[in-house]
Protein backbone atom coordinates (compact mmCIF):
# COMPACT_ATOMS: atom_id res chain seq x y z
CA MET A 1 -0.02 0.00 -0.03
CA ASN A 2 2.78 2.38 0.81
CA LYS A 3 4.14 2.03 -2.70
CA LEU A 4 0.92 3.04 -4.38
CA LEU A 5 0.74 6.37 -2.25
CA PRO A 6 3.19 8.43 -4.65
CA PHE A 7 1.17 7.14 -7.55
CA ILE A 8 -2.13 8.11 -6.03
CA ALA A 9 -0.86 11.55 -5.02
CA ALA A 10 0.61 12.01 -8.60
CA ALA A 11 -2.66 11.15 -10.28
CA GLY A 12 -4.43 13.59 -8.08
CA PHE A 13 -2.05 16.31 -8.72
CA ALA A 14 -2.33 15.65 -12.57
CA LEU A 15 -6.14 15.69 -12.29
CA SER A 16 -6.01 19.08 -10.59
CA PHE A 17 -3.58 20.54 -12.85
CA ALA A 18 -5.70 19.29 -15.88
CA ALA A 19 -8.80 20.97 -14.53
CA HIS A 20 -6.85 24.35 -13.92
CA ALA A 21 -5.65 24.06 -17.36
CA ALA A 22 -9.12 23.07 -18.80
CA ASP A 23 -10.66 26.15 -17.08
CA ALA A 24 -8.28 28.38 -19.00
CA THR A 25 -8.69 26.69 -22.15
CA CYS A 26 -12.57 26.61 -21.78
CA GLU A 27 -12.66 30.31 -21.23
CA ALA A 28 -10.38 30.94 -24.05
CA LYS A 29 -12.78 28.96 -26.48
CA ALA A 30 -15.76 30.90 -24.80
CA GLY A 31 -13.95 34.21 -25.66
CA GLU A 32 -13.36 33.09 -29.29
CA LYS A 33 -17.05 32.28 -29.60
CA LYS A 34 -17.74 35.56 -28.30
CA LEU A 35 -20.27 34.01 -25.63
CA ALA A 36 -21.77 35.82 -22.74
CA GLY A 37 -24.54 35.16 -20.01
CA ALA A 38 -26.19 31.93 -19.90
CA ALA A 39 -24.68 30.84 -23.03
CA LYS A 40 -21.21 31.27 -21.80
CA THR A 41 -22.06 29.70 -18.19
CA SER A 42 -23.65 26.51 -20.15
CA PHE A 43 -20.65 26.33 -22.55
CA LEU A 44 -18.03 26.41 -19.74
CA LYS A 45 -19.90 23.80 -17.64
CA LYS A 46 -19.94 21.44 -20.49
CA CYS A 47 -16.45 22.04 -21.72
CA GLU A 48 -14.93 21.78 -18.22
CA LYS A 49 -17.16 18.37 -17.42
CA ASP A 50 -15.69 16.93 -21.03
CA ALA A 51 -12.25 18.00 -20.04
CA GLY A 52 -12.24 16.41 -16.78
CA GLY A 53 -13.31 13.20 -18.19
CA ALA A 54 -10.49 13.13 -20.40
CA ALA A 55 -8.15 13.85 -17.45
CA ALA A 56 -9.63 11.16 -15.55
CA ALA A 57 -9.19 8.97 -18.46
CA SER A 58 -5.63 9.58 -18.92
CA ALA A 59 -4.86 8.97 -15.15
CA CYS A 60 -6.68 5.76 -15.33
CA ASP A 61 -4.80 4.84 -18.36
CA ALA A 62 -1.46 5.79 -16.64
CA LYS A 63 -2.59 3.30 -13.80
CA ALA A 64 -3.35 0.68 -16.03
CA SER A 65 -0.07 0.80 -17.91
CA GLU A 66 1.79 0.68 -14.52
CA LYS A 67 -0.08 -2.31 -13.54
CA LYS A 68 0.79 -3.77 -17.16
CA LEU A 69 -2.87 -4.70 -17.74
CA ALA A 70 -3.99 -5.69 -21.33
CA GLY A 71 -7.38 -6.97 -22.91
CA ALA A 72 -10.30 -7.57 -20.91
CA ALA A 73 -8.43 -6.78 -17.58
CA LYS A 74 -7.45 -3.34 -18.89
CA THR A 75 -10.89 -2.80 -20.12
CA SER A 76 -12.48 -3.63 -16.85
CA PHE A 77 -10.04 -1.75 -14.75
CA LEU A 78 -10.36 1.51 -16.92
CA LYS A 79 -14.15 1.26 -16.73
CA LYS A 80 -14.22 0.91 -12.73
CA CYS A 81 -11.30 3.52 -12.45
CA GLU A 82 -13.24 6.19 -14.62
CA LYS A 83 -16.35 5.43 -12.68
CA ASP A 84 -14.60 5.85 -9.48
CA ALA A 85 -12.96 9.26 -10.70
CA ALA A 86 -16.46 10.39 -11.81
CA ALA A 87 -18.21 9.40 -8.50
CA ALA A 88 -15.37 11.18 -6.51
CA LYS A 89 -15.85 14.48 -8.16
CA LYS A 90 -19.62 14.72 -7.12
């Protein structure tokens, strides 16, 4: 268990960094589209949600690679990992 703590901490840091980067990217995209008010709010919410899912997927993919998973085991692990990451965000 102690060996996993650095990897878990690194994954958490990567997710928080990706979320911050997504905020800036989504703001820039909203600016390019000249959105304002409710349209901008709706766009930002969807954009950040989509970006967060991608960050969780890449973190889970990295964990699967560390565990050297392949095939059905990898698919099952990724599905559970991404589900857990989504539940943790709520």
